[in-house]
N, C-alpha and C. Protein backbone atom coordinates (compact mmCIF):
# COMPACT_ATOMS: atom_id res chain seq x y z
N MET A 1 -3.95 -8.93 10.77
CA MET A 1 -3.20 -8.88 9.53
C MET A 1 -3.59 -7.62 8.75
N ILE A 2 -2.60 -7.06 8.08
CA ILE A 2 -2.87 -5.90 7.23
C ILE A 2 -3.59 -6.37 5.98
N SER A 3 -4.65 -5.66 5.63
CA SER A 3 -5.41 -5.99 4.43
C SER A 3 -4.66 -5.50 3.20
N LEU A 4 -4.64 -6.33 2.19
CA LEU A 4 -4.04 -5.95 0.91
C LEU A 4 -5.14 -5.59 -0.09
N ASP A 5 -6.22 -5.00 0.41
CA ASP A 5 -7.37 -4.67 -0.44
C ASP A 5 -7.02 -3.66 -1.53
N PHE A 6 -5.93 -2.95 -1.38
CA PHE A 6 -5.53 -1.98 -2.40
C PHE A 6 -5.03 -2.66 -3.67
N GLN A 7 -4.73 -3.95 -3.61
CA GLN A 7 -4.19 -4.64 -4.77
C GLN A 7 -5.25 -5.02 -5.79
N SER A 8 -6.50 -5.03 -5.39
CA SER A 8 -7.58 -5.28 -6.35
C SER A 8 -8.87 -4.70 -5.79
N GLY A 9 -9.73 -4.33 -6.66
CA GLY A 9 -11.04 -3.86 -6.24
C GLY A 9 -11.15 -2.36 -5.97
N MET A 10 -10.06 -1.63 -6.07
CA MET A 10 -10.12 -0.18 -5.89
C MET A 10 -10.11 0.49 -7.25
N SER A 11 -10.89 1.56 -7.36
CA SER A 11 -10.80 2.35 -8.58
C SER A 11 -9.45 3.07 -8.60
N ASN A 12 -9.07 3.57 -9.73
CA ASN A 12 -7.80 4.28 -9.83
C ASN A 12 -7.76 5.50 -8.93
N GLN A 13 -8.87 6.24 -8.87
CA GLN A 13 -8.92 7.42 -8.02
C GLN A 13 -8.82 7.04 -6.54
N THR A 14 -9.48 5.96 -6.15
CA THR A 14 -9.41 5.50 -4.76
C THR A 14 -8.00 5.03 -4.42
N LEU A 15 -7.36 4.34 -5.35
CA LEU A 15 -5.98 3.90 -5.13
C LEU A 15 -5.06 5.11 -4.94
N ALA A 16 -5.23 6.13 -5.76
CA ALA A 16 -4.40 7.33 -5.64
C ALA A 16 -4.60 7.99 -4.28
N LEU A 17 -5.85 8.09 -3.83
CA LEU A 17 -6.14 8.68 -2.52
C LEU A 17 -5.59 7.82 -1.39
N PHE A 18 -5.74 6.51 -1.51
CA PHE A 18 -5.24 5.59 -0.50
C PHE A 18 -3.72 5.73 -0.35
N ALA A 19 -3.01 5.71 -1.48
CA ALA A 19 -1.55 5.81 -1.46
C ALA A 19 -1.11 7.15 -0.87
N HIS A 20 -1.79 8.22 -1.25
CA HIS A 20 -1.46 9.54 -0.72
C HIS A 20 -1.68 9.56 0.80
N ASN A 21 -2.75 8.96 1.26
CA ASN A 21 -3.05 8.91 2.69
C ASN A 21 -1.95 8.15 3.45
N VAL A 22 -1.53 7.00 2.92
CA VAL A 22 -0.45 6.23 3.56
C VAL A 22 0.83 7.05 3.57
N LEU A 23 1.13 7.72 2.47
CA LEU A 23 2.33 8.54 2.38
C LEU A 23 2.32 9.65 3.43
N VAL A 24 1.22 10.37 3.53
CA VAL A 24 1.12 11.48 4.48
C VAL A 24 1.23 10.97 5.92
N ARG A 25 0.59 9.84 6.21
CA ARG A 25 0.61 9.31 7.58
C ARG A 25 1.96 8.74 7.99
N MET A 26 2.72 8.21 7.04
CA MET A 26 3.98 7.56 7.38
C MET A 26 5.19 8.47 7.23
N ASP A 27 5.12 9.43 6.33
CA ASP A 27 6.25 10.30 6.05
C ASP A 27 6.60 11.12 7.29
N LYS A 28 7.82 11.03 7.72
CA LYS A 28 8.37 11.78 8.86
C LYS A 28 7.72 11.42 10.19
N ASN A 29 6.96 10.34 10.24
CA ASN A 29 6.35 9.89 11.49
C ASN A 29 7.39 9.05 12.23
N PRO A 30 7.78 9.45 13.44
CA PRO A 30 8.82 8.71 14.14
C PRO A 30 8.46 7.25 14.45
N ARG A 31 7.17 6.94 14.49
CA ARG A 31 6.77 5.56 14.74
C ARG A 31 7.11 4.64 13.58
N PHE A 32 7.37 5.23 12.41
CA PHE A 32 7.70 4.45 11.22
C PHE A 32 9.12 4.75 10.73
N ALA A 33 9.99 5.12 11.65
CA ALA A 33 11.36 5.50 11.29
C ALA A 33 12.09 4.38 10.55
N THR A 34 11.85 3.14 10.94
CA THR A 34 12.56 2.03 10.31
C THR A 34 12.06 1.73 8.90
N LEU A 35 10.96 2.37 8.51
CA LEU A 35 10.42 2.13 7.16
C LEU A 35 10.60 3.32 6.23
N GLN A 36 11.28 4.36 6.71
CA GLN A 36 11.43 5.56 5.89
C GLN A 36 12.18 5.29 4.59
N HIS A 37 13.07 4.31 4.58
CA HIS A 37 13.78 3.99 3.33
C HIS A 37 12.83 3.45 2.27
N LEU A 38 11.65 2.96 2.68
CA LEU A 38 10.65 2.50 1.72
C LEU A 38 9.66 3.61 1.36
N VAL A 39 9.41 4.48 2.33
CA VAL A 39 8.45 5.56 2.11
C VAL A 39 9.06 6.64 1.22
N LYS A 40 10.29 7.03 1.53
CA LYS A 40 10.99 8.03 0.71
C LYS A 40 12.21 7.35 0.12
N PRO A 41 12.43 7.41 -1.10
CA PRO A 41 11.61 8.00 -2.15
C PRO A 41 10.60 7.03 -2.76
N GLY A 42 10.63 5.75 -2.36
CA GLY A 42 9.81 4.74 -3.03
C GLY A 42 8.34 5.06 -3.16
N LEU A 43 7.65 5.18 -2.04
CA LEU A 43 6.20 5.43 -2.08
C LEU A 43 5.91 6.81 -2.62
N ARG A 44 6.72 7.78 -2.23
CA ARG A 44 6.50 9.15 -2.73
C ARG A 44 6.60 9.17 -4.25
N THR A 45 7.63 8.58 -4.81
CA THR A 45 7.83 8.57 -6.25
C THR A 45 6.72 7.80 -6.96
N ALA A 46 6.39 6.62 -6.45
CA ALA A 46 5.35 5.80 -7.07
C ALA A 46 3.99 6.51 -7.04
N THR A 47 3.69 7.20 -5.95
CA THR A 47 2.43 7.92 -5.83
C THR A 47 2.38 9.08 -6.81
N GLN A 48 3.46 9.83 -6.90
CA GLN A 48 3.50 10.97 -7.82
C GLN A 48 3.40 10.50 -9.27
N GLN A 49 4.12 9.44 -9.61
CA GLN A 49 4.08 8.95 -10.99
C GLN A 49 2.70 8.42 -11.36
N PHE A 50 2.04 7.74 -10.41
CA PHE A 50 0.71 7.23 -10.70
C PHE A 50 -0.29 8.37 -10.86
N SER A 51 -0.22 9.37 -9.98
CA SER A 51 -1.14 10.51 -10.09
C SER A 51 -0.96 11.24 -11.42
N LYS A 52 0.28 11.43 -11.83
CA LYS A 52 0.56 12.08 -13.11
C LYS A 52 0.03 11.23 -14.27
N ALA A 53 0.31 9.94 -14.23
CA ALA A 53 -0.15 9.04 -15.30
C ALA A 53 -1.67 8.97 -15.35
N LEU A 54 -2.31 9.03 -14.19
CA LEU A 54 -3.77 9.00 -14.12
C LEU A 54 -4.36 10.23 -14.81
N GLN A 55 -3.78 11.38 -14.58
CA GLN A 55 -4.25 12.61 -15.24
C GLN A 55 -4.03 12.56 -16.74
N GLU A 56 -2.85 12.07 -17.14
CA GLU A 56 -2.54 12.01 -18.57
C GLU A 56 -3.39 10.97 -19.30
N ALA A 57 -3.79 9.92 -18.62
CA ALA A 57 -4.60 8.87 -19.24
C ALA A 57 -6.04 9.31 -19.44
N ALA A 58 -6.42 10.40 -18.81
CA ALA A 58 -7.80 10.88 -18.94
C ALA A 58 -8.13 11.27 -20.37
N VAL A 59 -7.11 11.61 -21.17
CA VAL A 59 -7.36 11.96 -22.58
C VAL A 59 -7.66 10.71 -23.40
N GLY A 60 -7.29 9.54 -22.88
CA GLY A 60 -7.70 8.29 -23.50
C GLY A 60 -6.75 7.69 -24.51
N SER A 61 -5.57 8.24 -24.71
CA SER A 61 -4.66 7.61 -25.66
C SER A 61 -4.19 6.27 -25.11
N ARG A 62 -4.03 5.31 -25.98
CA ARG A 62 -3.66 3.95 -25.55
C ARG A 62 -2.32 3.93 -24.83
N SER A 63 -1.38 4.69 -25.31
CA SER A 63 -0.06 4.67 -24.67
C SER A 63 -0.13 5.26 -23.27
N LYS A 64 -0.92 6.29 -23.09
CA LYS A 64 -1.05 6.91 -21.75
C LYS A 64 -1.80 5.98 -20.80
N VAL A 65 -2.78 5.25 -21.30
CA VAL A 65 -3.50 4.28 -20.46
C VAL A 65 -2.55 3.15 -20.06
N ALA A 66 -1.71 2.72 -20.98
CA ALA A 66 -0.73 1.68 -20.68
C ALA A 66 0.27 2.16 -19.63
N GLU A 67 0.70 3.41 -19.74
CA GLU A 67 1.61 3.99 -18.74
C GLU A 67 0.94 4.06 -17.37
N LYS A 68 -0.34 4.41 -17.36
CA LYS A 68 -1.09 4.47 -16.10
C LYS A 68 -1.19 3.09 -15.48
N ASN A 69 -1.47 2.08 -16.30
CA ASN A 69 -1.57 0.72 -15.79
C ASN A 69 -0.24 0.23 -15.21
N MET A 70 0.86 0.57 -15.85
CA MET A 70 2.18 0.19 -15.35
C MET A 70 2.47 0.94 -14.05
N ALA A 71 2.13 2.21 -14.00
CA ALA A 71 2.34 2.99 -12.78
C ALA A 71 1.49 2.44 -11.62
N ALA A 72 0.30 1.96 -11.94
CA ALA A 72 -0.56 1.36 -10.91
C ALA A 72 0.08 0.08 -10.36
N LYS A 73 0.66 -0.73 -11.24
CA LYS A 73 1.34 -1.96 -10.79
C LYS A 73 2.50 -1.63 -9.87
N VAL A 74 3.28 -0.64 -10.23
CA VAL A 74 4.43 -0.23 -9.42
C VAL A 74 3.95 0.28 -8.06
N LEU A 75 2.90 1.09 -8.06
CA LEU A 75 2.36 1.63 -6.81
C LEU A 75 1.83 0.53 -5.91
N LYS A 76 1.08 -0.40 -6.48
CA LYS A 76 0.55 -1.52 -5.68
C LYS A 76 1.67 -2.38 -5.12
N SER A 77 2.69 -2.60 -5.91
CA SER A 77 3.83 -3.38 -5.44
C SER A 77 4.55 -2.66 -4.30
N THR A 78 4.72 -1.36 -4.43
CA THR A 78 5.37 -0.57 -3.40
C THR A 78 4.56 -0.58 -2.12
N LEU A 79 3.24 -0.40 -2.22
CA LEU A 79 2.37 -0.47 -1.04
C LEU A 79 2.42 -1.85 -0.40
N GLY A 80 2.43 -2.89 -1.23
CA GLY A 80 2.51 -4.25 -0.71
C GLY A 80 3.80 -4.50 0.04
N ASN A 81 4.89 -3.99 -0.49
CA ASN A 81 6.19 -4.14 0.16
C ASN A 81 6.20 -3.44 1.52
N ILE A 82 5.67 -2.24 1.57
CA ILE A 82 5.60 -1.51 2.84
C ILE A 82 4.69 -2.24 3.81
N ALA A 83 3.54 -2.74 3.33
CA ALA A 83 2.61 -3.47 4.20
C ALA A 83 3.26 -4.71 4.80
N ARG A 84 4.02 -5.44 4.00
CA ARG A 84 4.70 -6.64 4.51
C ARG A 84 5.75 -6.29 5.56
N HIS A 85 6.52 -5.25 5.32
CA HIS A 85 7.51 -4.82 6.31
C HIS A 85 6.84 -4.32 7.59
N LEU A 86 5.76 -3.58 7.43
CA LEU A 86 5.03 -3.08 8.59
C LEU A 86 4.44 -4.23 9.40
N GLU A 87 3.90 -5.22 8.71
CA GLU A 87 3.31 -6.39 9.38
C GLU A 87 4.34 -7.07 10.28
N LEU A 88 5.58 -7.12 9.85
CA LEU A 88 6.63 -7.75 10.64
C LEU A 88 6.93 -6.97 11.92
N GLN A 89 6.62 -5.69 11.93
CA GLN A 89 6.92 -4.85 13.08
C GLN A 89 5.75 -4.64 14.03
N LEU A 90 4.57 -5.12 13.66
CA LEU A 90 3.36 -4.82 14.45
C LEU A 90 3.35 -5.45 15.84
N ASN A 91 3.81 -6.67 15.95
CA ASN A 91 3.76 -7.40 17.24
C ASN A 91 2.35 -7.37 17.83
N GLY A 92 1.36 -7.56 16.97
CA GLY A 92 -0.03 -7.59 17.41
C GLY A 92 -0.66 -6.23 17.64
N GLU A 93 0.09 -5.17 17.45
CA GLU A 93 -0.42 -3.80 17.66
C GLU A 93 -1.01 -3.28 16.34
N TYR A 94 -2.22 -3.73 16.04
CA TYR A 94 -2.82 -3.41 14.75
C TYR A 94 -3.24 -1.95 14.64
N ALA A 95 -3.33 -1.26 15.75
CA ALA A 95 -3.62 0.17 15.69
C ALA A 95 -2.51 0.90 14.93
N LEU A 96 -1.32 0.36 14.97
CA LEU A 96 -0.19 0.95 14.25
C LEU A 96 -0.42 0.88 12.74
N ALA A 97 -1.01 -0.21 12.27
CA ALA A 97 -1.33 -0.34 10.84
C ALA A 97 -2.37 0.70 10.44
N LEU A 98 -3.35 0.90 11.31
CA LEU A 98 -4.37 1.91 11.04
C LEU A 98 -3.76 3.31 11.05
N GLU A 99 -2.84 3.53 11.97
CA GLU A 99 -2.15 4.82 12.03
C GLU A 99 -1.38 5.10 10.75
N ALA A 100 -0.86 4.05 10.14
CA ALA A 100 -0.11 4.18 8.89
C ALA A 100 -1.02 4.38 7.68
N GLY A 101 -2.32 4.20 7.86
CA GLY A 101 -3.25 4.40 6.76
C GLY A 101 -3.72 3.12 6.11
N PHE A 102 -3.23 1.98 6.58
CA PHE A 102 -3.64 0.69 6.03
C PHE A 102 -4.90 0.20 6.73
N ASN A 103 -5.61 -0.68 6.07
CA ASN A 103 -6.76 -1.35 6.67
C ASN A 103 -6.27 -2.67 7.26
N ILE A 104 -7.05 -3.21 8.16
CA ILE A 104 -6.72 -4.51 8.72
C ILE A 104 -7.87 -5.47 8.44
N ASN A 105 -7.52 -6.75 8.33
CA ASN A 105 -8.55 -7.78 8.18
C ASN A 105 -9.18 -7.99 9.54
N THR A 106 -10.49 -7.96 9.58
CA THR A 106 -11.17 -8.09 10.86
C THR A 106 -11.82 -9.45 11.05
N TYR A 107 -11.67 -10.33 10.08
CA TYR A 107 -12.27 -11.65 10.22
C TYR A 107 -11.39 -12.53 11.10
N ALA A 108 -12.01 -13.51 11.72
CA ALA A 108 -11.26 -14.48 12.52
C ALA A 108 -10.75 -15.56 11.58
N PRO A 109 -9.44 -15.79 11.53
CA PRO A 109 -8.92 -16.81 10.61
C PRO A 109 -9.37 -18.21 11.02
N ARG A 110 -9.58 -19.04 10.00
CA ARG A 110 -9.91 -20.44 10.27
C ARG A 110 -8.69 -21.14 10.84
N SER A 111 -8.90 -22.27 11.46
CA SER A 111 -7.79 -22.95 12.14
C SER A 111 -6.65 -23.28 11.19
N ASN A 112 -6.95 -23.67 9.94
CA ASN A 112 -5.87 -23.99 9.00
C ASN A 112 -5.11 -22.73 8.59
N GLU A 113 -5.77 -21.55 8.58
CA GLU A 113 -5.07 -20.32 8.28
C GLU A 113 -4.11 -19.97 9.40
N VAL A 114 -4.54 -20.18 10.63
CA VAL A 114 -3.67 -19.90 11.77
C VAL A 114 -2.45 -20.80 11.72
N GLN A 115 -2.64 -22.07 11.36
CA GLN A 115 -1.52 -22.99 11.26
C GLN A 115 -0.55 -22.55 10.17
N LEU A 116 -1.08 -22.11 9.03
CA LEU A 116 -0.22 -21.65 7.94
C LEU A 116 0.54 -20.40 8.35
N GLN A 117 -0.14 -19.48 9.05
CA GLN A 117 0.53 -18.27 9.50
C GLN A 117 1.68 -18.60 10.44
N SER A 118 1.47 -19.56 11.32
CA SER A 118 2.54 -19.88 12.26
C SER A 118 3.72 -20.57 11.57
N VAL A 119 3.45 -21.26 10.48
CA VAL A 119 4.52 -21.90 9.73
C VAL A 119 5.38 -20.87 9.04
N PHE A 120 4.76 -19.80 8.52
CA PHE A 120 5.49 -18.81 7.74
C PHE A 120 6.02 -17.66 8.58
N HIS A 121 5.75 -17.61 9.86
CA HIS A 121 6.25 -16.51 10.70
C HIS A 121 7.36 -16.98 11.58
């Protein structure tokens, strides 16, 4: 499974680097041709807006911090959407998720998790 660790626990700078890495790895990569409608302009725009908002929030004004927080939500949502679509295309080939710049969960799911996964897939 693709890890959604980018949705919490990352600093803003780490999130910006993570999103940029996913964008660079997926953009124009023929292995992700079916996801290009999500990568461009969605991820590209969300990444650029977050990076800009992050720089502007450094001055500390409340409105700029609020804009940065909203841009972070949009970026995380966009990454989550791409991760879910990518997960549907993996067919157990988790190296593809790594190639796209995402992390994968390496733990063995408990039996009830496996049952839930099979219900929802």
